[in-house]
Amino acid sequence: MTSRATRRLAVPRPVSVNAGPGGAPVAVGGMPVEAMREEWVVEDRWWTDKSVRRRYFELVLVDGRNVVVFRDLAVGRWLTQRA
């Protein structure tokens, strides 16, 4: 039997985001946002030392790509995550 390393799926990665008034992204990785499909907030594990507070955006970029980015509200950084 061959040993395989376990790989976590959908690990968030840092991404460069330019936000407009109100905090919504206007560009991701230098690529302008064509449309915002959805926005939501996740607040979870608030009862632990590792609570999660994130503001998510599902976006369509001008090159046609669909991306999901979120702002970690606890530390203020932007990340992207694949499903």
PDB file of N, CA and C in Angstrom:
ATOM      1  N   MET A   1       0.843  -1.174   0.000  1.00  0.00           N
ATOM      2  CA  MET A   1       0.000   0.000   0.000  1.00  0.00           C
ATOM      3  C   MET A   1       0.893   1.244   0.000  1.00  0.00           C
ATOM      4  N   THR A   2       0.576   2.201  -0.841  1.00  0.00           N
ATOM      5  CA  THR A   2       1.357   3.424  -0.959  1.00  0.00           C
ATOM      6  C   THR A   2       0.816   4.486  -0.026  1.00  0.00           C
ATOM      7  N   SER A   3       1.701   5.185   0.645  1.00  0.00           N
ATOM      8  CA  SER A   3       1.297   6.267   1.543  1.00  0.00           C
ATOM      9  C   SER A   3       1.079   7.546   0.737  1.00  0.00           C
ATOM     10  N   ARG A   4      -0.014   8.214   0.991  1.00  0.00           N
ATOM     11  CA  ARG A   4      -0.305   9.479   0.327  1.00  0.00           C
ATOM     12  C   ARG A   4      -0.485  10.564   1.378  1.00  0.00           C
ATOM     13  N   ALA A   5       0.017  11.735   1.060  1.00  0.00           N
ATOM     14  CA  ALA A   5      -0.177  12.865   1.960  1.00  0.00           C
ATOM     15  C   ALA A   5      -1.614  13.363   1.815  1.00  0.00           C
ATOM     16  N   THR A   6      -2.203  13.712   2.919  1.00  0.00           N
ATOM     17  CA  THR A   6      -3.554  14.245   2.900  1.00  0.00           C
ATOM     18  C   THR A   6      -3.500  15.715   2.512  1.00  0.00           C
ATOM     19  N   ARG A   7      -4.389  16.102   1.609  1.00  0.00           N
ATOM     20  CA  ARG A   7      -4.420  17.478   1.129  1.00  0.00           C
ATOM     21  C   ARG A   7      -5.772  18.081   1.469  1.00  0.00           C
ATOM     22  N   ARG A   8      -5.753  19.254   2.088  1.00  0.00           N
ATOM     23  CA  ARG A   8      -6.996  19.956   2.405  1.00  0.00           C
ATOM     24  C   ARG A   8      -7.550  20.610   1.147  1.00  0.00           C
ATOM     25  N   LEU A   9      -8.836  20.503   0.964  1.00  0.00           N
ATOM     26  CA  LEU A   9      -9.497  21.126  -0.171  1.00  0.00           C
ATOM     27  C   LEU A   9      -9.989  22.514   0.213  1.00  0.00           C
ATOM     28  N   ALA A  10     -10.078  23.383  -0.759  1.00  0.00           N
ATOM     29  CA  ALA A  10     -10.650  24.718  -0.591  1.00  0.00           C
ATOM     30  C   ALA A  10      -9.937  25.552   0.479  1.00  0.00           C
ATOM     31  N   VAL A  11      -8.624  25.469   0.524  1.00  0.00           N
ATOM     32  CA  VAL A  11      -7.856  26.276   1.467  1.00  0.00           C
ATOM     33  C   VAL A  11      -7.827  27.721   0.964  1.00  0.00           C
ATOM     34  N   PRO A  12      -8.236  28.690   1.794  1.00  0.00           N
ATOM     35  CA  PRO A  12      -8.225  30.091   1.359  1.00  0.00           C
ATOM     36  C   PRO A  12      -6.813  30.575   1.030  1.00  0.00           C
ATOM     37  N   ARG A  13      -6.713  31.397  -0.034  1.00  0.00           N
ATOM     38  CA  ARG A  13      -5.434  31.977  -0.449  1.00  0.00           C
ATOM     39  C   ARG A  13      -5.562  33.490  -0.476  1.00  0.00           C
ATOM     40  N   PRO A  14      -4.520  34.214  -0.071  1.00  0.00           N
ATOM     41  CA  PRO A  14      -4.566  35.681  -0.129  1.00  0.00           C
ATOM     42  C   PRO A  14      -4.765  36.155  -1.565  1.00  0.00           C
ATOM     43  N   VAL A  15      -5.490  37.263  -1.717  1.00  0.00           N
ATOM     44  CA  VAL A  15      -5.742  37.831  -3.037  1.00  0.00           C
ATOM     45  C   VAL A  15      -5.786  39.351  -2.910  1.00  0.00           C
ATOM     46  N   SER A  16      -5.357  40.027  -3.963  1.00  0.00           N
ATOM     47  CA  SER A  16      -5.381  41.484  -3.995  1.00  0.00           C
ATOM     48  C   SER A  16      -6.770  41.953  -4.436  1.00  0.00           C
ATOM     49  N   VAL A  17      -7.420  42.754  -3.600  1.00  0.00           N
ATOM     50  CA  VAL A  17      -8.763  43.260  -3.903  1.00  0.00           C
ATOM     51  C   VAL A  17      -8.784  44.767  -3.715  1.00  0.00           C
ATOM     52  N   ASN A  18      -9.338  45.465  -4.701  1.00  0.00           N
ATOM     53  CA  ASN A  18      -9.625  46.894  -4.558  1.00  0.00           C
ATOM     54  C   ASN A  18     -11.105  47.014  -4.269  1.00  0.00           C
ATOM     55  N   ALA A  19     -11.435  47.634  -3.144  1.00  0.00           N
ATOM     56  CA  ALA A  19     -12.831  47.771  -2.739  1.00  0.00           C
ATOM     57  C   ALA A  19     -13.300  49.199  -2.963  1.00  0.00           C
ATOM     58  N   GLY A  20     -14.564  49.331  -3.303  1.00  0.00           N
ATOM     59  CA  GLY A  20     -15.164  50.637  -3.503  1.00  0.00           C
ATOM     60  C   GLY A  20     -15.869  51.106  -2.250  1.00  0.00           C
ATOM     61  N   PRO A  21     -16.618  52.188  -2.363  1.00  0.00           N
ATOM     62  CA  PRO A  21     -17.405  52.676  -1.229  1.00  0.00           C
ATOM     63  C   PRO A  21     -18.350  51.567  -0.743  1.00  0.00           C
ATOM     64  N   GLY A  22     -18.423  51.389   0.542  1.00  0.00           N
ATOM     65  CA  GLY A  22     -19.252  50.328   1.105  1.00  0.00           C
ATOM     66  C   GLY A  22     -18.545  48.999   1.240  1.00  0.00           C
ATOM     67  N   GLY A  23     -17.315  48.906   0.709  1.00  0.00           N
ATOM     68  CA  GLY A  23     -16.518  47.711   0.901  1.00  0.00           C
ATOM     69  C   GLY A  23     -16.639  46.631  -0.146  1.00  0.00           C
ATOM     70  N   ALA A  24     -17.497  46.786  -1.148  1.00  0.00           N
ATOM     71  CA  ALA A  24     -17.635  45.761  -2.185  1.00  0.00           C
ATOM     72  C   ALA A  24     -16.449  45.831  -3.147  1.00  0.00           C
ATOM     73  N   PRO A  25     -15.963  44.685  -3.604  1.00  0.00           N
ATOM     74  CA  PRO A  25     -14.824  44.666  -4.532  1.00  0.00           C
ATOM     75  C   PRO A  25     -15.170  45.320  -5.874  1.00  0.00           C
ATOM     76  N   VAL A  26     -14.214  46.088  -6.406  1.00  0.00           N
ATOM     77  CA  VAL A  26     -14.330  46.654  -7.752  1.00  0.00           C
ATOM     78  C   VAL A  26     -13.277  46.049  -8.678  1.00  0.00           C
ATOM     79  N   ALA A  27     -12.263  45.399  -8.111  1.00  0.00           N
ATOM     80  CA  ALA A  27     -11.245  44.691  -8.894  1.00  0.00           C
ATOM     81  C   ALA A  27     -10.640  43.597  -8.020  1.00  0.00           C
ATOM     82  N   VAL A  28     -10.317  42.473  -8.657  1.00  0.00           N
ATOM     83  CA  VAL A  28      -9.686  41.333  -7.977  1.00  0.00           C
ATOM     84  C   VAL A  28      -8.452  40.957  -8.785  1.00  0.00           C
ATOM     85  N   GLY A  29      -7.294  40.999  -8.144  1.00  0.00           N
ATOM     86  CA  GLY A  29      -6.049  40.684  -8.835  1.00  0.00           C
ATOM     87  C   GLY A  29      -5.808  41.602 -10.021  1.00  0.00           C
ATOM     88  N   GLY A  30      -6.271  42.844  -9.926  1.00  0.00           N
ATOM     89  CA  GLY A  30      -6.107  43.811 -11.006  1.00  0.00           C
ATOM     90  C   GLY A  30      -7.157  43.723 -12.095  1.00  0.00           C
ATOM     91  N   MET A  31      -8.039  42.730 -12.035  1.00  0.00           N
ATOM     92  CA  MET A  31      -9.085  42.542 -13.037  1.00  0.00           C
ATOM     93  C   MET A  31     -10.386  43.174 -12.540  1.00  0.00           C
ATOM     94  N   PRO A  32     -10.960  44.123 -13.300  1.00  0.00           N
ATOM     95  CA  PRO A  32     -12.202  44.773 -12.862  1.00  0.00           C
ATOM     96  C   PRO A  32     -13.364  43.790 -12.702  1.00  0.00           C
ATOM     97  N   VAL A  33     -14.250  44.123 -11.770  1.00  0.00           N
ATOM     98  CA  VAL A  33     -15.454  43.330 -11.525  1.00  0.00           C
ATOM     99  C   VAL A  33     -16.546  43.789 -12.487  1.00  0.00           C
ATOM    100  N   GLU A  34     -17.123  42.839 -13.219  1.00  0.00           N
ATOM    101  CA  GLU A  34     -18.231  43.118 -14.142  1.00  0.00           C
ATOM    102  C   GLU A  34     -19.557  43.139 -13.391  1.00  0.00           C
ATOM    103  N   ALA A  35     -19.745  42.165 -12.471  1.00  0.00           N
ATOM    104  CA  ALA A  35     -21.005  42.057 -11.745  1.00  0.00           C
ATOM    105  C   ALA A  35     -20.790  41.325 -10.427  1.00  0.00           C
ATOM    106  N   MET A  36     -21.631  41.669  -9.456  1.00  0.00           N
ATOM    107  CA  MET A  36     -21.652  40.937  -8.191  1.00  0.00           C
ATOM    108  C   MET A  36     -22.904  40.064  -8.217  1.00  0.00           C
ATOM    109  N   ARG A  37     -22.710  38.764  -8.113  1.00  0.00           N
ATOM    110  CA  ARG A  37     -23.840  37.837  -8.162  1.00  0.00           C
ATOM    111  C   ARG A  37     -24.501  37.663  -6.807  1.00  0.00           C
ATOM    112  N   GLU A  38     -23.672  37.677  -5.746  1.00  0.00           N
ATOM    113  CA  GLU A  38     -24.222  37.439  -4.413  1.00  0.00           C
ATOM    114  C   GLU A  38     -23.255  37.964  -3.359  1.00  0.00           C
ATOM    115  N   GLU A  39     -23.805  38.298  -2.212  1.00  0.00           N
ATOM    116  CA  GLU A  39     -23.009  38.749  -1.063  1.00  0.00           C
ATOM    117  C   GLU A  39     -23.632  38.159   0.196  1.00  0.00           C
ATOM    118  N   TRP A  40     -22.780  37.682   1.119  1.00  0.00           N
ATOM    119  CA  TRP A  40     -23.287  37.147   2.369  1.00  0.00           C
ATOM    120  C   TRP A  40     -22.221  37.249   3.452  1.00  0.00           C
ATOM    121  N   VAL A  41     -22.670  37.156   4.702  1.00  0.00           N
ATOM    122  CA  VAL A  41     -21.777  37.229   5.857  1.00  0.00           C
ATOM    123  C   VAL A  41     -21.880  35.914   6.623  1.00  0.00           C
ATOM    124  N   VAL A  42     -20.717  35.409   7.044  1.00  0.00           N
ATOM    125  CA  VAL A  42     -20.656  34.197   7.860  1.00  0.00           C
ATOM    126  C   VAL A  42     -20.065  34.565   9.209  1.00  0.00           C
ATOM    127  N   GLU A  43     -20.795  34.257  10.256  1.00  0.00           N
ATOM    128  CA  GLU A  43     -20.291  34.404  11.631  1.00  0.00           C
ATOM    129  C   GLU A  43     -20.500  33.055  12.294  1.00  0.00           C
ATOM    130  N   ASP A  44     -19.393  32.406  12.621  1.00  0.00           N
ATOM    131  CA  ASP A  44     -19.463  31.042  13.139  1.00  0.00           C
ATOM    132  C   ASP A  44     -18.407  30.846  14.216  1.00  0.00           C
ATOM    133  N   ARG A  45     -18.571  29.813  14.979  1.00  0.00           N
ATOM    134  CA  ARG A  45     -17.637  29.456  16.067  1.00  0.00           C
ATOM    135  C   ARG A  45     -17.409  30.618  17.039  1.00  0.00           C
ATOM    136  N   TRP A  46     -18.393  31.472  17.203  1.00  0.00           N
ATOM    137  CA  TRP A  46     -18.262  32.628  18.086  1.00  0.00           C
ATOM    138  C   TRP A  46     -18.062  32.206  19.535  1.00  0.00           C
ATOM    139  N   TRP A  47     -18.395  30.993  19.854  1.00  0.00           N
ATOM    140  CA  TRP A  47     -18.268  30.487  21.220  1.00  0.00           C
ATOM    141  C   TRP A  47     -16.882  29.914  21.504  1.00  0.00           C
ATOM    142  N   THR A  48     -15.978  29.959  20.513  1.00  0.00           N
ATOM    143  CA  THR A  48     -14.631  29.413  20.682  1.00  0.00           C
ATOM    144  C   THR A  48     -13.580  30.519  20.597  1.00  0.00           C
ATOM    145  N   ASP A  49     -12.324  30.142  20.789  1.00  0.00           N
ATOM    146  CA  ASP A  49     -11.214  31.086  20.631  1.00  0.00           C
ATOM    147  C   ASP A  49     -10.887  31.351  19.166  1.00  0.00           C
ATOM    148  N   LYS A  50     -11.462  30.574  18.268  1.00  0.00           N
ATOM    149  CA  LYS A  50     -11.183  30.714  16.831  1.00  0.00           C
ATOM    150  C   LYS A  50     -12.465  31.043  16.075  1.00  0.00           C
ATOM    151  N   SER A  51     -13.097  32.132  16.443  1.00  0.00           N
ATOM    152  CA  SER A  51     -14.332  32.518  15.770  1.00  0.00           C
ATOM    153  C   SER A  51     -14.048  32.930  14.327  1.00  0.00           C
ATOM    154  N   VAL A  52     -15.085  32.839  13.493  1.00  0.00           N
ATOM    155  CA  VAL A  52     -14.992  33.171  12.075  1.00  0.00           C
ATOM    156  C   VAL A  52     -15.976  34.291  11.776  1.00  0.00           C
ATOM    157  N   ARG A  53     -15.474  35.380  11.199  1.00  0.00           N
ATOM    158  CA  ARG A  53     -16.315  36.497  10.736  1.00  0.00           C
ATOM    159  C   ARG A  53     -15.827  36.875   9.346  1.00  0.00           C
ATOM    160  N   ARG A  54     -16.632  36.555   8.327  1.00  0.00           N
ATOM    161  CA  ARG A  54     -16.231  36.774   6.943  1.00  0.00           C
ATOM    162  C   ARG A  54     -17.377  37.387   6.143  1.00  0.00           C
ATOM    163  N   ARG A  55     -17.021  38.291   5.236  1.00  0.00           N
ATOM    164  CA  ARG A  55     -17.978  38.869   4.291  1.00  0.00           C
ATOM    165  C   ARG A  55     -17.599  38.358   2.902  1.00  0.00           C
ATOM    166  N   TYR A  56     -18.461  37.529   2.332  1.00  0.00           N
ATOM    167  CA  TYR A  56     -18.209  36.880   1.052  1.00  0.00           C
ATOM    168  C   TYR A  56     -18.849  37.632  -0.107  1.00  0.00           C
ATOM    169  N   PHE A  57     -18.213  37.520  -1.285  1.00  0.00           N
ATOM    170  CA  PHE A  57     -18.738  38.079  -2.525  1.00  0.00           C
ATOM    171  C   PHE A  57     -18.533  37.066  -3.643  1.00  0.00           C
ATOM    172  N   GLU A  58     -19.594  36.745  -4.370  1.00  0.00           N
ATOM    173  CA  GLU A  58     -19.476  35.944  -5.585  1.00  0.00           C
ATOM    174  C   GLU A  58     -19.516  36.933  -6.744  1.00  0.00           C
ATOM    175  N   LEU A  59     -18.446  36.946  -7.533  1.00  0.00           N
ATOM    176  CA  LEU A  59     -18.252  37.974  -8.551  1.00  0.00           C
ATOM    177  C   LEU A  59     -18.050  37.384  -9.938  1.00  0.00           C
ATOM    178  N   VAL A  60     -18.366  38.199 -10.950  1.00  0.00           N
ATOM    179  CA  VAL A  60     -18.005  37.911 -12.331  1.00  0.00           C
ATOM    180  C   VAL A  60     -17.026  39.000 -12.751  1.00  0.00           C
ATOM    181  N   LEU A  61     -15.829  38.589 -13.188  1.00  0.00           N
ATOM    182  CA  LEU A  61     -14.828  39.544 -13.631  1.00  0.00           C
ATOM    183  C   LEU A  61     -15.023  39.860 -15.119  1.00  0.00           C
ATOM    184  N   VAL A  62     -14.433  40.953 -15.592  1.00  0.00           N
ATOM    185  CA  VAL A  62     -14.626  41.353 -16.990  1.00  0.00           C
ATOM    186  C   VAL A  62     -14.090  40.319 -17.980  1.00  0.00           C
ATOM    187  N   ASP A  63     -13.183  39.445 -17.556  1.00  0.00           N
ATOM    188  CA  ASP A  63     -12.685  38.398 -18.456  1.00  0.00           C
ATOM    189  C   ASP A  63     -13.582  37.155 -18.449  1.00  0.00           C
ATOM    190  N   GLY A  64     -14.708  37.222 -17.718  1.00  0.00           N
ATOM    191  CA  GLY A  64     -15.671  36.128 -17.704  1.00  0.00           C
ATOM    192  C   GLY A  64     -15.523  35.136 -16.572  1.00  0.00           C
ATOM    193  N   ARG A  65     -14.444  35.232 -15.807  1.00  0.00           N
ATOM    194  CA  ARG A  65     -14.249  34.294 -14.688  1.00  0.00           C
ATOM    195  C   ARG A  65     -15.216  34.592 -13.552  1.00  0.00           C
ATOM    196  N   ASN A  66     -15.693  33.531 -12.922  1.00  0.00           N
ATOM    197  CA  ASN A  66     -16.471  33.647 -11.691  1.00  0.00           C
ATOM    198  C   ASN A  66     -15.521  33.384 -10.534  1.00  0.00           C
ATOM    199  N   VAL A  67     -15.531  34.256  -9.537  1.00  0.00           N
ATOM    200  CA  VAL A  67     -14.668  34.079  -8.377  1.00  0.00           C
ATOM    201  C   VAL A  67     -15.456  34.347  -7.104  1.00  0.00           C
ATOM    202  N   VAL A  68     -15.015  33.716  -6.033  1.00  0.00           N
ATOM    203  CA  VAL A  68     -15.548  33.994  -4.702  1.00  0.00           C
ATOM    204  C   VAL A  68     -14.391  34.520  -3.874  1.00  0.00           C
ATOM    205  N   VAL A  69     -14.572  35.715  -3.319  1.00  0.00           N
ATOM    206  CA  VAL A  69     -13.581  36.300  -2.424  1.00  0.00           C
ATOM    207  C   VAL A  69     -14.272  36.632  -1.111  1.00  0.00           C
ATOM    208  N   PHE A  70     -13.478  36.720  -0.057  1.00  0.00           N
ATOM    209  CA  PHE A  70     -14.049  37.154   1.209  1.00  0.00           C
ATOM    210  C   PHE A  70     -13.052  38.000   1.966  1.00  0.00           C
ATOM    211  N   ARG A  71     -13.610  38.874   2.781  1.00  0.00           N
ATOM    212  CA  ARG A  71     -12.806  39.701   3.671  1.00  0.00           C
ATOM    213  C   ARG A  71     -12.929  39.114   5.068  1.00  0.00           C
ATOM    214  N   ASP A  72     -11.790  38.747   5.638  1.00  0.00           N
ATOM    215  CA  ASP A  72     -11.758  38.265   7.017  1.00  0.00           C
ATOM    216  C   ASP A  72     -11.966  39.488   7.896  1.00  0.00           C
ATOM    217  N   LEU A  73     -13.132  39.610   8.506  1.00  0.00           N
ATOM    218  CA  LEU A  73     -13.487  40.806   9.255  1.00  0.00           C
ATOM    219  C   LEU A  73     -12.708  40.948  10.557  1.00  0.00           C
ATOM    220  N   ALA A  74     -12.128  39.861  11.035  1.00  0.00           N
ATOM    221  CA  ALA A  74     -11.335  39.927  12.268  1.00  0.00           C
ATOM    222  C   ALA A  74      -9.980  40.576  12.038  1.00  0.00           C
ATOM    223  N   VAL A  75      -9.376  40.313  10.876  1.00  0.00           N
ATOM    224  CA  VAL A  75      -8.029  40.838  10.612  1.00  0.00           C
ATOM    225  C   VAL A  75      -7.970  41.788   9.423  1.00  0.00           C
ATOM    226  N   GLY A  76      -9.064  41.880   8.644  1.00  0.00           N
ATOM    227  CA  GLY A  76      -9.143  42.842   7.559  1.00  0.00           C
ATOM    228  C   GLY A  76      -8.444  42.459   6.274  1.00  0.00           C
ATOM    229  N   ARG A  77      -8.130  41.183   6.083  1.00  0.00           N
ATOM    230  CA  ARG A  77      -7.450  40.803   4.834  1.00  0.00           C
ATOM    231  C   ARG A  77      -8.421  40.093   3.899  1.00  0.00           C
ATOM    232  N   TRP A  78      -8.073  40.152   2.600  1.00  0.00           N
ATOM    233  CA  TRP A  78      -8.880  39.520   1.552  1.00  0.00           C
ATOM    234  C   TRP A  78      -8.297  38.169   1.168  1.00  0.00           C
ATOM    235  N   LEU A  79      -9.202  37.211   0.932  1.00  0.00           N
ATOM    236  CA  LEU A  79      -8.800  35.873   0.502  1.00  0.00           C
ATOM    237  C   LEU A  79      -9.774  35.373  -0.556  1.00  0.00           C
ATOM    238  N   THR A  80      -9.330  34.363  -1.305  1.00  0.00           N
ATOM    239  CA  THR A  80     -10.193  33.692  -2.270  1.00  0.00           C
ATOM    240  C   THR A  80     -10.196  32.215  -1.924  1.00  0.00           C
ATOM    241  N   GLN A  81     -11.293  31.562  -2.311  1.00  0.00           N
ATOM    242  CA  GLN A  81     -11.440  30.150  -1.952  1.00  0.00           C
ATOM    243  C   GLN A  81     -12.204  29.441  -3.058  1.00  0.00           C
ATOM    244  N   ARG A  82     -11.669  28.332  -3.522  1.00  0.00           N
ATOM    245  CA  ARG A  82     -12.356  27.531  -4.524  1.00  0.00           C
ATOM    246  C   ARG A  82     -13.246  26.516  -3.846  1.00  0.00           C
ATOM    247  N   ALA A  83     -14.311  26.186  -4.512  1.00  0.00           N
ATOM    248  CA  ALA A  83     -15.251  25.199  -3.974  1.00  0.00           C
ATOM    249  C   ALA A  83     -14.709  23.801  -4.148  1.00  0.00           C
TER     250      ALA A  83
END
